[in-house]
Amino acid sequence: MFDAAGLSPPPSILIADDDDDDVYLIRSALKAVGQGAGARVACDRVANGLDALAWLSRRELMCQLPAAVILDINMPRLDGIGVLRALRQSFDMRGLAVFVLTTAATETVHGAALDLGATRIFVKPNTMGELTDIVREILSLVHLGAAVGADGTRGVKA
C-alpha cells in the first residue's frame, strides 16, 4: 500500500516580478541552491502586484501559503510597496517572509519597504554568483533554514 504520510510538498516560493529575464535567473538560482542542498524548491510567478495578492489570497484560503515571497518593487498594476502594505494588513499574512529584490537603490524605497515589514531588501545584483548568494541567504532564512548552510552545504545551522 502506498503511504503518502511521509511525503510533503517542497517549499514554495512566489516570485512577483514583471521582468522575464530576472524571473528566469531567480528560478535558476533557486533550483541550483536547492539541488546543491539536496532539496527541491517549487516556484510560482506572477507579473504584477494585483496578481500577487490574488494568488496569495487563494493560497491562504487553502492553507497553502508559500514559504516566502520574492518581491520586486517596480511592477505594473500595483507596486511592491502596495503589495507589502496589503500583506501586513492581513492577519494571516503578517508573518509571511517577504524578500524585496529590486533595482531601486534609494534609501527612501528601502526604508518604506522595511517600515512595512519586508524581511530583507536586496538590490538586484549584476552577476549570477551574487544572485546565488542572495538566494542562498533567502533559503537559509525560510523553510530550508536547517538544510542550507551559509556555504550552501547541507547541515544544521548553529
N, C-alpha and C. Protein backbone atom coordinates (compact mmCIF):
# COMPACT_ATOMS: atom_id res chain seq x y z
N MET A 1 0.85 -1.18 0.00
CA MET A 1 0.00 0.00 0.00
C MET A 1 0.89 1.24 0.00
N PHE A 2 0.47 2.25 -0.72
CA PHE A 2 1.22 3.50 -0.81
C PHE A 2 0.96 4.35 0.42
N ASP A 3 2.02 4.82 1.07
CA ASP A 3 1.90 5.66 2.26
C ASP A 3 2.36 7.07 1.93
N ALA A 4 1.41 7.98 1.84
CA ALA A 4 1.74 9.37 1.50
C ALA A 4 2.00 10.21 2.74
N ALA A 5 1.90 9.62 3.92
CA ALA A 5 2.07 10.40 5.14
C ALA A 5 3.44 11.03 5.24
N GLY A 6 4.46 10.36 4.75
CA GLY A 6 5.82 10.88 4.85
C GLY A 6 6.18 11.86 3.76
N LEU A 7 5.28 12.00 2.77
CA LEU A 7 5.57 12.90 1.66
C LEU A 7 4.99 14.27 1.94
N SER A 8 5.79 15.27 1.73
CA SER A 8 5.28 16.63 1.85
C SER A 8 5.75 17.40 0.63
N PRO A 9 4.95 18.37 0.20
CA PRO A 9 5.35 19.13 -0.97
C PRO A 9 6.62 19.94 -0.68
N PRO A 10 7.39 20.23 -1.72
CA PRO A 10 8.59 21.04 -1.49
C PRO A 10 8.20 22.44 -1.07
N PRO A 11 9.09 23.14 -0.39
CA PRO A 11 8.77 24.52 -0.03
C PRO A 11 8.51 25.33 -1.30
N SER A 12 7.58 26.23 -1.20
CA SER A 12 7.17 27.03 -2.34
C SER A 12 7.61 28.47 -2.15
N ILE A 13 8.06 29.06 -3.24
CA ILE A 13 8.45 30.47 -3.25
C ILE A 13 7.62 31.15 -4.33
N LEU A 14 6.99 32.26 -4.00
CA LEU A 14 6.31 33.06 -5.02
C LEU A 14 7.24 34.17 -5.46
N ILE A 15 7.47 34.25 -6.76
CA ILE A 15 8.26 35.34 -7.34
C ILE A 15 7.29 36.32 -7.96
N ALA A 16 7.27 37.55 -7.46
CA ALA A 16 6.41 38.60 -8.01
C ALA A 16 7.31 39.61 -8.70
N ASP A 17 7.43 39.46 -10.02
CA ASP A 17 8.33 40.30 -10.80
C ASP A 17 7.85 40.29 -12.24
N ASP A 18 7.85 41.45 -12.87
CA ASP A 18 7.37 41.55 -14.25
C ASP A 18 8.45 41.37 -15.30
N ASP A 19 9.70 41.22 -14.89
CA ASP A 19 10.80 41.08 -15.84
C ASP A 19 11.11 39.59 -16.05
N ASP A 20 10.82 39.10 -17.26
CA ASP A 20 11.00 37.68 -17.57
C ASP A 20 12.45 37.21 -17.36
N ASP A 21 13.40 38.04 -17.74
CA ASP A 21 14.81 37.66 -17.58
C ASP A 21 15.18 37.51 -16.11
N ASP A 22 14.74 38.46 -15.29
CA ASP A 22 15.02 38.38 -13.85
C ASP A 22 14.39 37.13 -13.24
N VAL A 23 13.15 36.83 -13.63
CA VAL A 23 12.47 35.65 -13.10
C VAL A 23 13.23 34.38 -13.49
N TYR A 24 13.67 34.31 -14.74
CA TYR A 24 14.44 33.15 -15.19
C TYR A 24 15.71 32.97 -14.34
N LEU A 25 16.41 34.05 -14.10
CA LEU A 25 17.64 33.98 -13.30
C LEU A 25 17.37 33.60 -11.85
N ILE A 26 16.31 34.16 -11.27
CA ILE A 26 15.96 33.83 -9.88
C ILE A 26 15.59 32.35 -9.78
N ARG A 27 14.77 31.87 -10.71
CA ARG A 27 14.39 30.45 -10.71
C ARG A 27 15.62 29.56 -10.86
N SER A 28 16.53 29.94 -11.74
CA SER A 28 17.76 29.15 -11.93
C SER A 28 18.57 29.09 -10.65
N ALA A 29 18.69 30.22 -9.97
CA ALA A 29 19.45 30.26 -8.72
C ALA A 29 18.75 29.43 -7.64
N LEU A 30 17.42 29.53 -7.55
CA LEU A 30 16.67 28.73 -6.57
C LEU A 30 16.86 27.24 -6.82
N LYS A 31 16.80 26.85 -8.08
CA LYS A 31 16.97 25.44 -8.43
C LYS A 31 18.38 24.97 -8.09
N ALA A 32 19.38 25.76 -8.44
CA ALA A 32 20.77 25.38 -8.19
C ALA A 32 21.07 25.27 -6.70
N VAL A 33 20.64 26.25 -5.91
CA VAL A 33 20.90 26.23 -4.48
C VAL A 33 20.13 25.08 -3.82
N GLY A 34 18.89 24.89 -4.22
CA GLY A 34 18.10 23.79 -3.67
C GLY A 34 18.72 22.44 -3.98
N GLN A 35 19.10 22.23 -5.24
CA GLN A 35 19.72 20.96 -5.62
C GLN A 35 21.04 20.76 -4.91
N GLY A 36 21.79 21.83 -4.72
CA GLY A 36 23.06 21.73 -4.02
C GLY A 36 22.89 21.30 -2.58
N ALA A 37 21.72 21.57 -2.02
CA ALA A 37 21.41 21.18 -0.65
C ALA A 37 20.62 19.88 -0.60
N GLY A 38 20.38 19.29 -1.76
CA GLY A 38 19.62 18.05 -1.81
C GLY A 38 18.14 18.27 -1.59
N ALA A 39 17.66 19.44 -1.92
CA ALA A 39 16.24 19.77 -1.72
C ALA A 39 15.67 20.32 -3.01
N ARG A 40 14.36 20.27 -3.11
CA ARG A 40 13.67 20.84 -4.26
C ARG A 40 12.85 22.03 -3.78
N VAL A 41 12.86 23.09 -4.56
CA VAL A 41 12.09 24.29 -4.23
C VAL A 41 11.11 24.53 -5.38
N ALA A 42 9.83 24.63 -5.06
CA ALA A 42 8.82 24.92 -6.07
C ALA A 42 8.70 26.42 -6.22
N CYS A 43 8.59 26.88 -7.46
CA CYS A 43 8.48 28.32 -7.73
C CYS A 43 7.21 28.61 -8.51
N ASP A 44 6.52 29.62 -8.10
CA ASP A 44 5.39 30.16 -8.86
C ASP A 44 5.74 31.60 -9.17
N ARG A 45 5.10 32.15 -10.20
CA ARG A 45 5.43 33.50 -10.62
C ARG A 45 4.17 34.28 -10.99
N VAL A 46 4.13 35.51 -10.58
CA VAL A 46 3.13 36.47 -11.03
C VAL A 46 3.88 37.70 -11.52
N ALA A 47 3.23 38.45 -12.43
CA ALA A 47 3.94 39.56 -13.08
C ALA A 47 3.48 40.94 -12.63
N ASN A 48 2.58 41.00 -11.64
CA ASN A 48 2.18 42.31 -11.14
C ASN A 48 1.65 42.16 -9.72
N GLY A 49 1.52 43.29 -9.04
CA GLY A 49 1.14 43.28 -7.64
C GLY A 49 -0.27 42.78 -7.38
N LEU A 50 -1.22 43.12 -8.25
CA LEU A 50 -2.59 42.64 -8.05
C LEU A 50 -2.67 41.12 -8.17
N ASP A 51 -1.96 40.58 -9.16
CA ASP A 51 -1.95 39.11 -9.30
C ASP A 51 -1.26 38.46 -8.10
N ALA A 52 -0.27 39.12 -7.54
CA ALA A 52 0.41 38.57 -6.35
C ALA A 52 -0.58 38.46 -5.19
N LEU A 53 -1.35 39.50 -4.96
CA LEU A 53 -2.32 39.47 -3.87
C LEU A 53 -3.42 38.44 -4.12
N ALA A 54 -3.87 38.33 -5.37
CA ALA A 54 -4.90 37.34 -5.70
C ALA A 54 -4.35 35.92 -5.50
N TRP A 55 -3.13 35.66 -5.96
CA TRP A 55 -2.51 34.35 -5.82
C TRP A 55 -2.36 34.00 -4.34
N LEU A 56 -1.86 34.93 -3.56
CA LEU A 56 -1.66 34.68 -2.13
C LEU A 56 -2.99 34.49 -1.40
N SER A 57 -4.01 35.24 -1.78
CA SER A 57 -5.32 35.08 -1.15
C SER A 57 -5.90 33.70 -1.41
N ARG A 58 -5.76 33.21 -2.65
CA ARG A 58 -6.23 31.85 -2.96
C ARG A 58 -5.48 30.82 -2.14
N ARG A 59 -4.15 30.98 -2.06
CA ARG A 59 -3.35 30.02 -1.30
C ARG A 59 -3.66 30.10 0.19
N GLU A 60 -3.96 31.30 0.68
CA GLU A 60 -4.32 31.46 2.10
C GLU A 60 -5.60 30.69 2.40
N LEU A 61 -6.58 30.77 1.51
CA LEU A 61 -7.84 30.05 1.71
C LEU A 61 -7.64 28.55 1.78
N MET A 62 -6.63 28.05 1.06
CA MET A 62 -6.34 26.62 1.05
C MET A 62 -5.30 26.24 2.11
N CYS A 63 -4.93 27.21 2.94
CA CYS A 63 -3.89 26.99 3.97
C CYS A 63 -2.60 26.48 3.35
N GLN A 64 -2.23 27.08 2.21
CA GLN A 64 -1.02 26.68 1.50
C GLN A 64 -0.18 27.90 1.11
N LEU A 65 0.06 28.77 2.07
CA LEU A 65 0.90 29.93 1.78
C LEU A 65 2.32 29.46 1.46
N PRO A 66 3.02 30.20 0.63
CA PRO A 66 4.40 29.81 0.32
C PRO A 66 5.31 30.06 1.52
N ALA A 67 6.50 29.48 1.44
CA ALA A 67 7.50 29.72 2.49
C ALA A 67 7.96 31.17 2.46
N ALA A 68 7.93 31.77 1.26
CA ALA A 68 8.40 33.15 1.12
C ALA A 68 7.91 33.74 -0.20
N VAL A 69 8.00 35.06 -0.26
CA VAL A 69 7.73 35.81 -1.49
C VAL A 69 8.99 36.59 -1.82
N ILE A 70 9.40 36.52 -3.07
CA ILE A 70 10.47 37.38 -3.58
C ILE A 70 9.76 38.44 -4.40
N LEU A 71 9.86 39.68 -3.97
CA LEU A 71 9.00 40.76 -4.47
C LEU A 71 9.82 41.87 -5.10
N ASP A 72 9.45 42.21 -6.33
CA ASP A 72 10.02 43.38 -6.99
C ASP A 72 9.22 44.60 -6.57
N ILE A 73 9.83 45.75 -6.52
CA ILE A 73 9.12 46.98 -6.17
C ILE A 73 8.43 47.58 -7.38
N ASN A 74 9.13 47.66 -8.51
CA ASN A 74 8.61 48.32 -9.70
C ASN A 74 7.84 47.33 -10.57
N MET A 75 6.53 47.22 -10.31
CA MET A 75 5.67 46.32 -11.08
C MET A 75 4.43 47.09 -11.52
N PRO A 76 3.79 46.62 -12.60
CA PRO A 76 2.55 47.26 -13.04
C PRO A 76 1.37 46.90 -12.15
N ARG A 77 0.30 47.64 -12.30
CA ARG A 77 -1.00 47.46 -11.64
C ARG A 77 -0.96 47.74 -10.15
N LEU A 78 0.02 47.26 -9.44
CA LEU A 78 0.22 47.56 -8.03
C LEU A 78 1.69 47.30 -7.73
N ASP A 79 2.39 48.29 -7.21
CA ASP A 79 3.83 48.11 -6.97
C ASP A 79 4.07 47.27 -5.72
N GLY A 80 5.33 46.93 -5.50
CA GLY A 80 5.71 46.11 -4.36
C GLY A 80 5.38 46.73 -3.02
N ILE A 81 5.47 48.05 -2.92
CA ILE A 81 5.12 48.73 -1.67
C ILE A 81 3.63 48.50 -1.36
N GLY A 82 2.78 48.60 -2.38
CA GLY A 82 1.35 48.34 -2.20
C GLY A 82 1.09 46.90 -1.79
N VAL A 83 1.83 45.98 -2.37
CA VAL A 83 1.69 44.56 -2.01
C VAL A 83 2.08 44.36 -0.54
N LEU A 84 3.21 44.90 -0.15
CA LEU A 84 3.65 44.78 1.25
C LEU A 84 2.62 45.36 2.21
N ARG A 85 2.10 46.53 1.88
CA ARG A 85 1.11 47.19 2.73
C ARG A 85 -0.11 46.28 2.91
N ALA A 86 -0.60 45.70 1.82
CA ALA A 86 -1.77 44.82 1.89
C ALA A 86 -1.46 43.55 2.68
N LEU A 87 -0.29 42.98 2.48
CA LEU A 87 0.07 41.75 3.20
C LEU A 87 0.14 41.99 4.70
N ARG A 88 0.69 43.09 5.10
CA ARG A 88 0.87 43.36 6.52
C ARG A 88 -0.43 43.78 7.20
N GLN A 89 -1.44 44.13 6.40
CA GLN A 89 -2.76 44.43 6.96
C GLN A 89 -3.60 43.17 7.11
N SER A 90 -3.19 42.08 6.46
CA SER A 90 -3.90 40.81 6.55
C SER A 90 -3.38 40.03 7.74
N PHE A 91 -4.27 39.69 8.64
CA PHE A 91 -3.86 38.98 9.86
C PHE A 91 -3.09 37.70 9.54
N ASP A 92 -3.58 36.92 8.58
CA ASP A 92 -2.96 35.63 8.28
C ASP A 92 -1.65 35.74 7.51
N MET A 93 -1.38 36.90 6.92
CA MET A 93 -0.15 37.02 6.12
C MET A 93 0.87 37.97 6.71
N ARG A 94 0.63 38.44 7.92
CA ARG A 94 1.59 39.36 8.55
C ARG A 94 2.95 38.73 8.74
N GLY A 95 2.99 37.46 9.03
CA GLY A 95 4.26 36.79 9.30
C GLY A 95 4.93 36.19 8.09
N LEU A 96 4.32 36.33 6.92
CA LEU A 96 4.89 35.77 5.70
C LEU A 96 6.22 36.44 5.38
N ALA A 97 7.23 35.62 5.12
CA ALA A 97 8.55 36.17 4.77
C ALA A 97 8.48 36.79 3.38
N VAL A 98 8.82 38.09 3.30
CA VAL A 98 8.81 38.80 2.03
C VAL A 98 10.18 39.42 1.83
N PHE A 99 10.84 38.97 0.77
CA PHE A 99 12.18 39.45 0.44
C PHE A 99 12.06 40.35 -0.78
N VAL A 100 12.44 41.60 -0.62
CA VAL A 100 12.38 42.56 -1.72
C VAL A 100 13.69 42.45 -2.50
N LEU A 101 13.54 42.23 -3.80
CA LEU A 101 14.68 42.15 -4.71
C LEU A 101 14.39 43.16 -5.81
N THR A 102 15.07 44.29 -5.77
CA THR A 102 14.69 45.42 -6.63
C THR A 102 15.90 46.12 -7.24
N THR A 103 15.64 46.83 -8.32
CA THR A 103 16.69 47.67 -8.91
C THR A 103 16.75 49.01 -8.19
N ALA A 104 15.71 49.34 -7.44
CA ALA A 104 15.67 50.63 -6.72
C ALA A 104 16.72 50.61 -5.61
N ALA A 105 17.64 51.54 -5.69
CA ALA A 105 18.72 51.58 -4.71
C ALA A 105 18.58 52.75 -3.74
N THR A 106 17.44 53.44 -3.78
CA THR A 106 17.27 54.61 -2.91
C THR A 106 16.88 54.20 -1.50
N GLU A 107 17.40 54.94 -0.55
CA GLU A 107 17.09 54.64 0.85
C GLU A 107 15.62 54.90 1.16
N THR A 108 14.98 55.80 0.42
CA THR A 108 13.56 56.07 0.63
C THR A 108 12.73 54.82 0.35
N VAL A 109 13.00 54.18 -0.77
CA VAL A 109 12.27 52.96 -1.14
C VAL A 109 12.59 51.85 -0.15
N HIS A 110 13.85 51.67 0.16
CA HIS A 110 14.25 50.62 1.11
C HIS A 110 13.63 50.86 2.48
N GLY A 111 13.64 52.11 2.93
CA GLY A 111 13.05 52.44 4.22
C GLY A 111 11.56 52.17 4.26
N ALA A 112 10.86 52.52 3.17
CA ALA A 112 9.42 52.26 3.10
C ALA A 112 9.14 50.77 3.17
N ALA A 113 9.92 49.97 2.45
CA ALA A 113 9.73 48.52 2.46
C ALA A 113 10.01 47.94 3.84
N LEU A 114 11.06 48.40 4.48
CA LEU A 114 11.36 47.91 5.83
C LEU A 114 10.28 48.33 6.83
N ASP A 115 9.80 49.56 6.71
CA ASP A 115 8.74 50.05 7.60
C ASP A 115 7.47 49.21 7.46
N LEU A 116 7.24 48.68 6.26
CA LEU A 116 6.05 47.86 6.01
C LEU A 116 6.29 46.38 6.33
N GLY A 117 7.46 46.06 6.83
CA GLY A 117 7.69 44.69 7.29
C GLY A 117 8.39 43.76 6.33
N ALA A 118 9.12 44.29 5.35
CA ALA A 118 9.91 43.41 4.49
C ALA A 118 10.91 42.66 5.36
N THR A 119 11.10 41.39 5.07
CA THR A 119 12.03 40.57 5.84
C THR A 119 13.47 41.02 5.58
N ARG A 120 13.80 41.21 4.32
CA ARG A 120 15.11 41.72 3.90
C ARG A 120 14.94 42.42 2.56
N ILE A 121 15.86 43.33 2.26
CA ILE A 121 15.86 44.02 0.99
C ILE A 121 17.20 43.79 0.31
N PHE A 122 17.14 43.44 -0.95
CA PHE A 122 18.34 43.23 -1.74
C PHE A 122 18.23 44.04 -3.03
N VAL A 123 19.34 44.66 -3.43
CA VAL A 123 19.39 45.31 -4.74
C VAL A 123 19.76 44.22 -5.73
N LYS A 124 19.04 44.19 -6.86
CA LYS A 124 19.31 43.16 -7.87
C LYS A 124 20.77 43.24 -8.28
N PRO A 125 21.45 42.10 -8.20
CA PRO A 125 22.89 42.09 -8.48
C PRO A 125 23.20 42.05 -9.97
N ASN A 126 24.48 42.21 -10.27
CA ASN A 126 24.94 42.21 -11.66
C ASN A 126 25.47 40.86 -12.12
N THR A 127 25.70 39.94 -11.19
CA THR A 127 26.27 38.65 -11.58
C THR A 127 25.41 37.51 -11.02
N MET A 128 25.50 36.37 -11.68
CA MET A 128 24.77 35.19 -11.23
C MET A 128 25.31 34.71 -9.88
N GLY A 129 26.59 34.86 -9.66
CA GLY A 129 27.18 34.48 -8.37
C GLY A 129 26.59 35.28 -7.22
N GLU A 130 26.43 36.58 -7.43
CA GLU A 130 25.83 37.42 -6.39
C GLU A 130 24.36 37.06 -6.17
N LEU A 131 23.64 36.76 -7.26
CA LEU A 131 22.24 36.36 -7.13
C LEU A 131 22.13 35.03 -6.38
N THR A 132 23.03 34.12 -6.67
CA THR A 132 23.03 32.83 -5.97
C THR A 132 23.28 33.03 -4.48
N ASP A 133 24.16 33.94 -4.12
CA ASP A 133 24.39 34.24 -2.70
C ASP A 133 23.13 34.79 -2.04
N ILE A 134 22.42 35.66 -2.75
CA ILE A 134 21.18 36.22 -2.21
C ILE A 134 20.14 35.12 -2.02
N VAL A 135 19.98 34.26 -3.01
CA VAL A 135 19.02 33.16 -2.92
C VAL A 135 19.40 32.22 -1.80
N ARG A 136 20.67 31.94 -1.65
CA ARG A 136 21.13 31.07 -0.55
C ARG A 136 20.74 31.68 0.80
N GLU A 137 20.91 32.99 0.93
CA GLU A 137 20.53 33.67 2.17
C GLU A 137 19.02 33.60 2.40
N ILE A 138 18.25 33.82 1.34
CA ILE A 138 16.79 33.73 1.46
C ILE A 138 16.38 32.33 1.92
N LEU A 139 16.90 31.32 1.27
CA LEU A 139 16.52 29.94 1.64
C LEU A 139 17.00 29.57 3.03
N SER A 140 18.09 30.17 3.48
CA SER A 140 18.56 29.87 4.83
C SER A 140 17.65 30.49 5.88
N LEU A 141 16.89 31.52 5.50
CA LEU A 141 16.00 32.19 6.44
C LEU A 141 14.58 31.63 6.44
N VAL A 142 14.26 30.79 5.46
CA VAL A 142 12.91 30.21 5.39
C VAL A 142 12.96 28.71 5.60
N HIS A 143 12.06 28.00 5.02
CA HIS A 143 11.85 26.57 5.25
C HIS A 143 13.12 25.73 5.17
N LEU A 144 14.02 26.05 4.28
CA LEU A 144 15.23 25.25 4.14
C LEU A 144 16.32 25.68 5.10
N GLY A 145 15.99 26.50 6.08
CA GLY A 145 16.99 27.03 7.00
C GLY A 145 17.88 25.97 7.62
N ALA A 146 17.33 24.82 7.95
CA ALA A 146 18.13 23.77 8.57
C ALA A 146 18.88 22.95 7.52
N ALA A 147 18.46 23.08 6.26
CA ALA A 147 19.07 22.24 5.24
C ALA A 147 20.16 22.95 4.45
N VAL A 148 20.10 24.27 4.34
CA VAL A 148 21.05 25.01 3.53
C VAL A 148 21.88 25.92 4.41
N GLY A 149 23.14 25.59 4.55
CA GLY A 149 24.03 26.43 5.35
C GLY A 149 24.50 27.63 4.56
N ALA A 150 25.19 28.53 5.20
CA ALA A 150 25.67 29.75 4.54
C ALA A 150 26.59 29.42 3.38
N ASP A 151 27.28 28.29 3.44
CA ASP A 151 28.16 27.92 2.35
C ASP A 151 27.46 27.06 1.31
N GLY A 152 26.13 26.83 1.48
CA GLY A 152 25.37 26.07 0.51
C GLY A 152 25.37 24.59 0.74
N THR A 153 26.04 24.12 1.77
CA THR A 153 26.08 22.69 2.05
C THR A 153 24.97 22.32 3.00
N ARG A 154 24.66 21.02 3.01
CA ARG A 154 23.61 20.54 3.92
C ARG A 154 24.16 20.51 5.34
N GLY A 155 23.26 20.71 6.27
CA GLY A 155 23.67 20.65 7.66
C GLY A 155 22.86 21.62 8.49
N VAL A 156 22.77 21.37 9.74
CA VAL A 156 22.01 22.22 10.63
C VAL A 156 22.84 23.44 10.99
N LYS A 157 22.21 24.60 10.85
CA LYS A 157 22.91 25.84 11.19
C LYS A 157 23.04 25.96 12.69
N ALA A 158 24.10 26.59 13.12
CA ALA A 158 24.30 26.80 14.55
C ALA A 158 23.49 27.96 15.04
